[in-house]
Amino acid sequence: MVRDLRADHARLEELLTALRTLAQGDLVEVSAFAPIDLADLVEDVTGETRRRHPAVRLTTESPAEVGVFGWESGLRILLANLLGNAVVHGHLPDQPATVAVRLSTEGEFAVLTVDDYGPGIEPAARQAVFTRFHRRPDSPGSGLGLTLVAQQAALHRGTVTVAPGPGRTGSRFEVRLPLLRPDAPTLELPVQLSMRRDWLAGDRS
């Protein structure tokens, strides 16, 4: 009984933290945005993931530098939740998770992929994983982790998609963010900051 109560308390604490973070994304101001080296953030977050989950087989591939215009805290949230999702779901029964992170550039975009080798996501459910409180029956999470990823991708004028992983097994989450342009103003307003944003309540018109 005590073990169950502790688990329920942990889930409630995680839910409240996720809701608070979602609200912060809705309220963030343009002054919080600045040039960011996404390669450094990927290195930091993957390093933290390795420390927290030493059994996970985690590989990374990244250029020395990838500049984007962003909110550092928000991009950390995006990366941490993508990796956290892969750690929880990116494995088969009784096997440690295997996760591959790759950061590259393609045209005017930074492209981040997170591959796992778990059971994958059915095509009909791929868009639903980004909606609030969507979770698998066996998921220990709040159902908001990937919603936060989608929020931060939109906030940074980017996109996030999910598809089958390498070899048609597992899942591949791909995030595309505009690269920092030398000719862009330092305080360029992301499109979504000039629109009504309400991820917490679900209205994103």
C-alpha atoms as a PDB file:
ATOM      1  CA  MET A   1       0.000   0.000   0.000  1.00  0.00           C
ATOM      2  CA  VAL A   2       2.824   2.415   0.887  1.00  0.00           C
ATOM      3  CA  ARG A   3       4.560   1.597  -2.391  1.00  0.00           C
ATOM      4  CA  ASP A   4       1.372   2.337  -4.343  1.00  0.00           C
ATOM      5  CA  LEU A   5       0.878   5.624  -2.497  1.00  0.00           C
ATOM      6  CA  ARG A   6       4.431   6.666  -3.270  1.00  0.00           C
ATOM      7  CA  ALA A   7       3.915   5.854  -6.950  1.00  0.00           C
ATOM      8  CA  ASP A   8       0.670   7.852  -7.013  1.00  0.00           C
ATOM      9  CA  HIS A   9       2.420  10.785  -5.320  1.00  0.00           C
ATOM     10  CA  ALA A  10       5.243  10.685  -7.880  1.00  0.00           C
ATOM     11  CA  ARG A  11       2.767  10.672 -10.771  1.00  0.00           C
ATOM     12  CA  LEU A  12       0.843  13.600  -9.284  1.00  0.00           C
ATOM     13  CA  GLU A  13       4.057  15.557  -8.755  1.00  0.00           C
ATOM     14  CA  GLU A  14       5.103  14.875 -12.360  1.00  0.00           C
ATOM     15  CA  LEU A  15       1.688  15.990 -13.630  1.00  0.00           C
ATOM     16  CA  LEU A  16       1.813  19.269 -11.690  1.00  0.00           C
ATOM     17  CA  THR A  17       5.348  19.947 -12.919  1.00  0.00           C
ATOM     18  CA  ALA A  18       4.320  19.285 -16.530  1.00  0.00           C
ATOM     19  CA  LEU A  19       1.267  21.553 -16.243  1.00  0.00           C
ATOM     20  CA  ARG A  20       3.396  24.345 -14.800  1.00  0.00           C
ATOM     21  CA  THR A  21       5.923  23.942 -17.618  1.00  0.00           C
ATOM     22  CA  LEU A  22       3.166  23.976 -20.231  1.00  0.00           C
ATOM     23  CA  ALA A  23       1.855  27.244 -18.744  1.00  0.00           C
ATOM     24  CA  GLN A  24       5.347  28.749 -18.843  1.00  0.00           C
ATOM     25  CA  GLY A  25       5.519  27.996 -22.558  1.00  0.00           C
ATOM     26  CA  ASP A  26       2.197  29.764 -23.099  1.00  0.00           C
ATOM     27  CA  LEU A  27       3.392  32.862 -21.234  1.00  0.00           C
ATOM     28  CA  VAL A  28       7.020  33.180 -22.381  1.00  0.00           C
ATOM     29  CA  GLU A  29       7.987  36.591 -23.781  1.00  0.00           C
ATOM     30  CA  VAL A  30      10.194  37.364 -26.780  1.00  0.00           C
ATOM     31  CA  SER A  31      12.831  38.811 -24.427  1.00  0.00           C
ATOM     32  CA  ALA A  32      13.589  35.241 -23.325  1.00  0.00           C
ATOM     33  CA  PHE A  33      14.800  34.336 -26.836  1.00  0.00           C
ATOM     34  CA  ALA A  34      18.446  34.617 -27.897  1.00  0.00           C
ATOM     35  CA  PRO A  35      20.982  32.914 -30.197  1.00  0.00           C
ATOM     36  CA  ILE A  36      21.541  29.367 -28.907  1.00  0.00           C
ATOM     37  CA  ASP A  37      24.033  26.652 -29.842  1.00  0.00           C
ATOM     38  CA  LEU A  38      21.741  23.651 -30.183  1.00  0.00           C
ATOM     39  CA  ALA A  39      24.720  21.262 -30.394  1.00  0.00           C
ATOM     40  CA  ASP A  40      25.808  22.276 -26.883  1.00  0.00           C
ATOM     41  CA  LEU A  41      22.287  21.739 -25.544  1.00  0.00           C
ATOM     42  CA  VAL A  42      22.095  18.283 -27.123  1.00  0.00           C
ATOM     43  CA  GLU A  43      25.404  17.370 -25.500  1.00  0.00           C
ATOM     44  CA  ASP A  44      24.244  18.624 -22.092  1.00  0.00           C
ATOM     45  CA  VAL A  45      20.871  16.874 -22.160  1.00  0.00           C
ATOM     46  CA  THR A  46      22.202  13.567 -23.495  1.00  0.00           C
ATOM     47  CA  GLY A  47      24.911  13.649 -20.825  1.00  0.00           C
ATOM     48  CA  GLU A  48      22.311  14.155 -18.118  1.00  0.00           C
ATOM     49  CA  THR A  49      20.218  11.312 -19.571  1.00  0.00           C
ATOM     50  CA  ARG A  50      23.235   8.983 -19.430  1.00  0.00           C
ATOM     51  CA  ARG A  51      23.838   9.882 -15.796  1.00  0.00           C
ATOM     52  CA  ARG A  52      20.206   9.314 -14.828  1.00  0.00           C
ATOM     53  CA  HIS A  53      19.808   6.116 -16.868  1.00  0.00           C
ATOM     54  CA  PRO A  54      23.185   4.340 -16.997  1.00  0.00           C
ATOM     55  CA  ALA A  55      21.670   1.139 -18.416  1.00  0.00           C
ATOM     56  CA  VAL A  56      20.389   2.904 -21.545  1.00  0.00           C
ATOM     57  CA  ARG A  57      22.381   2.431 -24.741  1.00  0.00           C
ATOM     58  CA  LEU A  58      22.557   6.028 -25.923  1.00  0.00           C
ATOM     59  CA  THR A  59      24.555   7.249 -28.913  1.00  0.00           C
ATOM     60  CA  THR A  60      24.848  10.780 -30.272  1.00  0.00           C
ATOM     61  CA  GLU A  61      26.001  12.343 -33.517  1.00  0.00           C
ATOM     62  CA  SER A  62      26.267  16.116 -33.870  1.00  0.00           C
ATOM     63  CA  PRO A  63      28.240  18.862 -35.616  1.00  0.00           C
ATOM     64  CA  ALA A  64      30.457  21.117 -33.532  1.00  0.00           C
ATOM     65  CA  GLU A  65      27.937  23.974 -33.660  1.00  0.00           C
ATOM     66  CA  VAL A  66      24.331  24.507 -34.784  1.00  0.00           C
ATOM     67  CA  GLY A  67      22.928  27.978 -34.176  1.00  0.00           C
ATOM     68  CA  VAL A  68      19.222  28.626 -33.639  1.00  0.00           C
ATOM     69  CA  PHE A  69      17.250  31.556 -32.214  1.00  0.00           C
ATOM     70  CA  GLY A  70      15.469  30.198 -29.190  1.00  0.00           C
ATOM     71  CA  TRP A  71      14.457  30.042 -25.564  1.00  0.00           C
ATOM     72  CA  GLU A  72      17.117  27.941 -23.840  1.00  0.00           C
ATOM     73  CA  SER A  73      14.837  26.591 -21.114  1.00  0.00           C
ATOM     74  CA  GLY A  74      12.215  25.623 -23.691  1.00  0.00           C
ATOM     75  CA  LEU A  75      14.715  23.819 -25.900  1.00  0.00           C
ATOM     76  CA  ARG A  76      16.002  21.908 -22.866  1.00  0.00           C
ATOM     77  CA  ILE A  77      12.414  20.885 -22.125  1.00  0.00           C
ATOM     78  CA  LEU A  78      11.998  19.679 -25.715  1.00  0.00           C
ATOM     79  CA  LEU A  79      15.210  17.633 -25.653  1.00  0.00           C
ATOM     80  CA  ALA A  80      14.680  16.196 -22.161  1.00  0.00           C
ATOM     81  CA  ASN A  81      11.147  15.058 -22.949  1.00  0.00           C
ATOM     82  CA  LEU A  82      12.105  13.487 -26.280  1.00  0.00           C
ATOM     83  CA  LEU A  83      14.893  11.536 -24.619  1.00  0.00           C
ATOM     84  CA  GLY A  84      12.759  10.680 -21.604  1.00  0.00           C
ATOM     85  CA  ASN A  85      10.066   9.306 -23.881  1.00  0.00           C
ATOM     86  CA  ALA A  86      12.629   7.189 -25.752  1.00  0.00           C
ATOM     87  CA  VAL A  87      14.085   5.829 -22.507  1.00  0.00           C
ATOM     88  CA  VAL A  88      10.653   4.758 -21.235  1.00  0.00           C
ATOM     89  CA  HIS A  89       9.222   3.389 -24.481  1.00  0.00           C
ATOM     90  CA  GLY A  90      12.275   2.653 -26.640  1.00  0.00           C
ATOM     91  CA  HIS A  91      12.857  -0.934 -25.638  1.00  0.00           C
ATOM     92  CA  LEU A  92      11.390  -4.397 -25.876  1.00  0.00           C
ATOM     93  CA  PRO A  93      10.411  -6.409 -22.776  1.00  0.00           C
ATOM     94  CA  ASP A  94      13.317  -7.245 -20.451  1.00  0.00           C
ATOM     95  CA  GLN A  95      15.795  -5.298 -22.601  1.00  0.00           C
ATOM     96  CA  PRO A  96      17.443  -1.927 -21.934  1.00  0.00           C
ATOM     97  CA  ALA A  97      16.417   0.975 -24.125  1.00  0.00           C
ATOM     98  CA  THR A  98      18.551   1.759 -27.168  1.00  0.00           C
ATOM     99  CA  VAL A  99      18.381   5.393 -28.262  1.00  0.00           C
ATOM    100  CA  ALA A 100      20.215   7.176 -31.080  1.00  0.00           C
ATOM    101  CA  VAL A 101      20.286  10.987 -31.208  1.00  0.00           C
ATOM    102  CA  ARG A 102      21.428  12.804 -34.332  1.00  0.00           C
ATOM    103  CA  LEU A 103      21.661  16.541 -34.956  1.00  0.00           C
ATOM    104  CA  SER A 104      22.366  17.841 -38.453  1.00  0.00           C
ATOM    105  CA  THR A 105      21.541  20.735 -40.755  1.00  0.00           C
ATOM    106  CA  GLU A 106      19.469  20.593 -43.914  1.00  0.00           C
ATOM    107  CA  GLY A 107      19.029  23.747 -45.945  1.00  0.00           C
ATOM    108  CA  GLU A 108      17.764  26.442 -43.574  1.00  0.00           C
ATOM    109  CA  PHE A 109      16.854  24.010 -40.786  1.00  0.00           C
ATOM    110  CA  ALA A 110      18.445  22.231 -37.865  1.00  0.00           C
ATOM    111  CA  VAL A 111      17.218  18.624 -37.910  1.00  0.00           C
ATOM    112  CA  LEU A 112      17.151  16.589 -34.699  1.00  0.00           C
ATOM    113  CA  THR A 113      16.193  12.910 -34.790  1.00  0.00           C
ATOM    114  CA  VAL A 114      15.694  10.633 -31.798  1.00  0.00           C
ATOM    115  CA  ASP A 115      15.447   6.963 -32.754  1.00  0.00           C
ATOM    116  CA  ASP A 116      14.407   4.153 -30.452  1.00  0.00           C
ATOM    117  CA  TYR A 117      14.027   0.416 -30.928  1.00  0.00           C
ATOM    118  CA  GLY A 118      10.849  -0.187 -28.968  1.00  0.00           C
ATOM    119  CA  PRO A 119       7.452  -1.449 -30.159  1.00  0.00           C
ATOM    120  CA  GLY A 120       6.800   1.649 -32.280  1.00  0.00           C
ATOM    121  CA  ILE A 121       3.600   3.652 -32.718  1.00  0.00           C
ATOM    122  CA  GLU A 122       0.711   2.646 -34.933  1.00  0.00           C
ATOM    123  CA  PRO A 123       0.122   5.063 -37.869  1.00  0.00           C
ATOM    124  CA  ALA A 124      -3.354   6.004 -36.603  1.00  0.00           C
ATOM    125  CA  ALA A 125      -1.930   7.041 -33.221  1.00  0.00           C
ATOM    126  CA  ARG A 126       1.088   9.063 -34.352  1.00  0.00           C
ATOM    127  CA  GLN A 127      -0.560  12.470 -34.293  1.00  0.00           C
ATOM    128  CA  ALA A 128      -2.427  11.704 -31.073  1.00  0.00           C
ATOM    129  CA  VAL A 129       0.786  11.228 -29.085  1.00  0.00           C
ATOM    130  CA  PHE A 130       1.245  15.022 -29.068  1.00  0.00           C
ATOM    131  CA  THR A 131      -2.182  15.760 -27.573  1.00  0.00           C
ATOM    132  CA  ARG A 132      -2.643  16.504 -23.876  1.00  0.00           C
ATOM    133  CA  PHE A 133      -2.939  13.512 -21.529  1.00  0.00           C
ATOM    134  CA  HIS A 134      -2.506  10.943 -24.300  1.00  0.00           C
ATOM    135  CA  ARG A 135      -0.695   7.946 -22.861  1.00  0.00           C
ATOM    136  CA  ARG A 136      -0.362   4.249 -23.421  1.00  0.00           C
ATOM    137  CA  PRO A 137      -2.126   2.004 -20.900  1.00  0.00           C
ATOM    138  CA  ASP A 138       1.225   0.915 -19.446  1.00  0.00           C
ATOM    139  CA  SER A 139       2.821   4.365 -19.479  1.00  0.00           C
ATOM    140  CA  PRO A 140       4.059   5.717 -16.125  1.00  0.00           C
ATOM    141  CA  GLY A 141       3.996   9.310 -17.369  1.00  0.00           C
ATOM    142  CA  SER A 142       1.513  12.177 -17.215  1.00  0.00           C
ATOM    143  CA  GLY A 143       0.626  12.179 -20.919  1.00  0.00           C
ATOM    144  CA  LEU A 144       2.082  15.687 -21.299  1.00  0.00           C
ATOM    145  CA  GLY A 145       5.720  14.991 -22.193  1.00  0.00           C
ATOM    146  CA  LEU A 146       5.231  14.945 -25.948  1.00  0.00           C
ATOM    147  CA  THR A 147       2.699  17.785 -25.727  1.00  0.00           C
ATOM    148  CA  LEU A 148       5.529  19.893 -24.307  1.00  0.00           C
ATOM    149  CA  VAL A 149       7.730  18.822 -27.224  1.00  0.00           C
ATOM    150  CA  ALA A 150       5.061  19.912 -29.722  1.00  0.00           C
ATOM    151  CA  GLN A 151       4.544  23.202 -27.873  1.00  0.00           C
ATOM    152  CA  GLN A 152       8.236  24.050 -27.904  1.00  0.00           C
ATOM    153  CA  ALA A 153       8.656  23.083 -31.557  1.00  0.00           C
ATOM    154  CA  ALA A 154       5.770  25.395 -32.501  1.00  0.00           C
ATOM    155  CA  LEU A 155       7.085  28.153 -30.243  1.00  0.00           C
ATOM    156  CA  HIS A 156      10.402  28.032 -32.109  1.00  0.00           C
ATOM    157  CA  ARG A 157       8.713  28.138 -35.553  1.00  0.00           C
ATOM    158  CA  GLY A 158       9.526  24.477 -36.057  1.00  0.00           C
ATOM    159  CA  THR A 159       7.815  21.116 -36.433  1.00  0.00           C
ATOM    160  CA  VAL A 160       7.889  17.703 -34.805  1.00  0.00           C
ATOM    161  CA  THR A 161       6.828  14.451 -36.453  1.00  0.00           C
ATOM    162  CA  VAL A 162       6.990  10.759 -35.618  1.00  0.00           C
ATOM    163  CA  ALA A 163       7.579   7.880 -38.030  1.00  0.00           C
ATOM    164  CA  PRO A 164       8.907   4.326 -37.917  1.00  0.00           C
ATOM    165  CA  GLY A 165      12.486   4.052 -36.717  1.00  0.00           C
ATOM    166  CA  PRO A 166      15.508   2.610 -38.520  1.00  0.00           C
ATOM    167  CA  GLY A 167      14.751  -0.670 -40.242  1.00  0.00           C
ATOM    168  CA  ARG A 168      11.015   0.036 -39.808  1.00  0.00           C
ATOM    169  CA  THR A 169      11.259  -0.838 -36.113  1.00  0.00           C
ATOM    170  CA  GLY A 170      10.722   1.417 -33.130  1.00  0.00           C
ATOM    171  CA  SER A 171      10.046   5.129 -33.571  1.00  0.00           C
ATOM    172  CA  ARG A 172      11.828   8.138 -35.004  1.00  0.00           C
ATOM    173  CA  PHE A 173      10.907  11.568 -33.670  1.00  0.00           C
ATOM    174  CA  GLU A 174      12.138  14.367 -35.916  1.00  0.00           C
ATOM    175  CA  VAL A 175      12.274  18.025 -34.927  1.00  0.00           C
ATOM    176  CA  ARG A 176      13.027  20.766 -37.470  1.00  0.00           C
ATOM    177  CA  LEU A 177      13.944  24.252 -36.279  1.00  0.00           C
ATOM    178  CA  PRO A 178      14.973  27.269 -38.372  1.00  0.00           C
ATOM    179  CA  LEU A 179      18.706  27.915 -38.295  1.00  0.00           C
ATOM    180  CA  LEU A 180      19.985  31.218 -36.972  1.00  0.00           C
ATOM    181  CA  ARG A 181      20.393  33.549 -39.953  1.00  0.00           C
ATOM    182  CA  PRO A 182      23.225  36.104 -40.008  1.00  0.00           C
ATOM    183  CA  ASP A 183      20.858  38.646 -41.572  1.00  0.00           C
ATOM    184  CA  ALA A 184      18.031  38.100 -39.047  1.00  0.00           C
ATOM    185  CA  PRO A 185      17.425  40.616 -36.252  1.00  0.00           C
ATOM    186  CA  THR A 186      18.573  39.394 -32.856  1.00  0.00           C
ATOM    187  CA  LEU A 187      15.052  39.770 -31.455  1.00  0.00           C
ATOM    188  CA  GLU A 188      13.138  38.335 -34.392  1.00  0.00           C
ATOM    189  CA  LEU A 189       9.637  37.574 -33.150  1.00  0.00           C
ATOM    190  CA  PRO A 190       8.677  33.917 -33.637  1.00  0.00           C
ATOM    191  CA  VAL A 191       5.366  33.685 -35.486  1.00  0.00           C
ATOM    192  CA  GLN A 192       3.598  31.843 -32.683  1.00  0.00           C
ATOM    193  CA  LEU A 193       4.361  34.592 -30.149  1.00  0.00           C
ATOM    194  CA  SER A 194       2.203  37.009 -32.127  1.00  0.00           C
ATOM    195  CA  MET A 195      -0.741  34.587 -32.126  1.00  0.00           C
ATOM    196  CA  ARG A 196      -3.009  33.320 -29.379  1.00  0.00           C
ATOM    197  CA  ARG A 197      -1.388  30.327 -27.686  1.00  0.00           C
ATOM    198  CA  ASP A 198      -3.184  28.191 -25.145  1.00  0.00           C
ATOM    199  CA  TRP A 199      -1.685  24.718 -24.989  1.00  0.00           C
ATOM    200  CA  LEU A 200      -2.718  24.364 -21.353  1.00  0.00           C
ATOM    201  CA  ALA A 201      -6.427  24.656 -22.171  1.00  0.00           C
ATOM    202  CA  GLY A 202      -6.113  23.085 -25.590  1.00  0.00           C
ATOM    203  CA  ASP A 203      -7.104  26.110 -27.746  1.00  0.00           C
ATOM    204  CA  ARG A 204      -4.256  26.802 -30.187  1.00  0.00           C
ATOM    205  CA  SER A 205      -6.104  28.919 -32.721  1.00  0.00           C
END
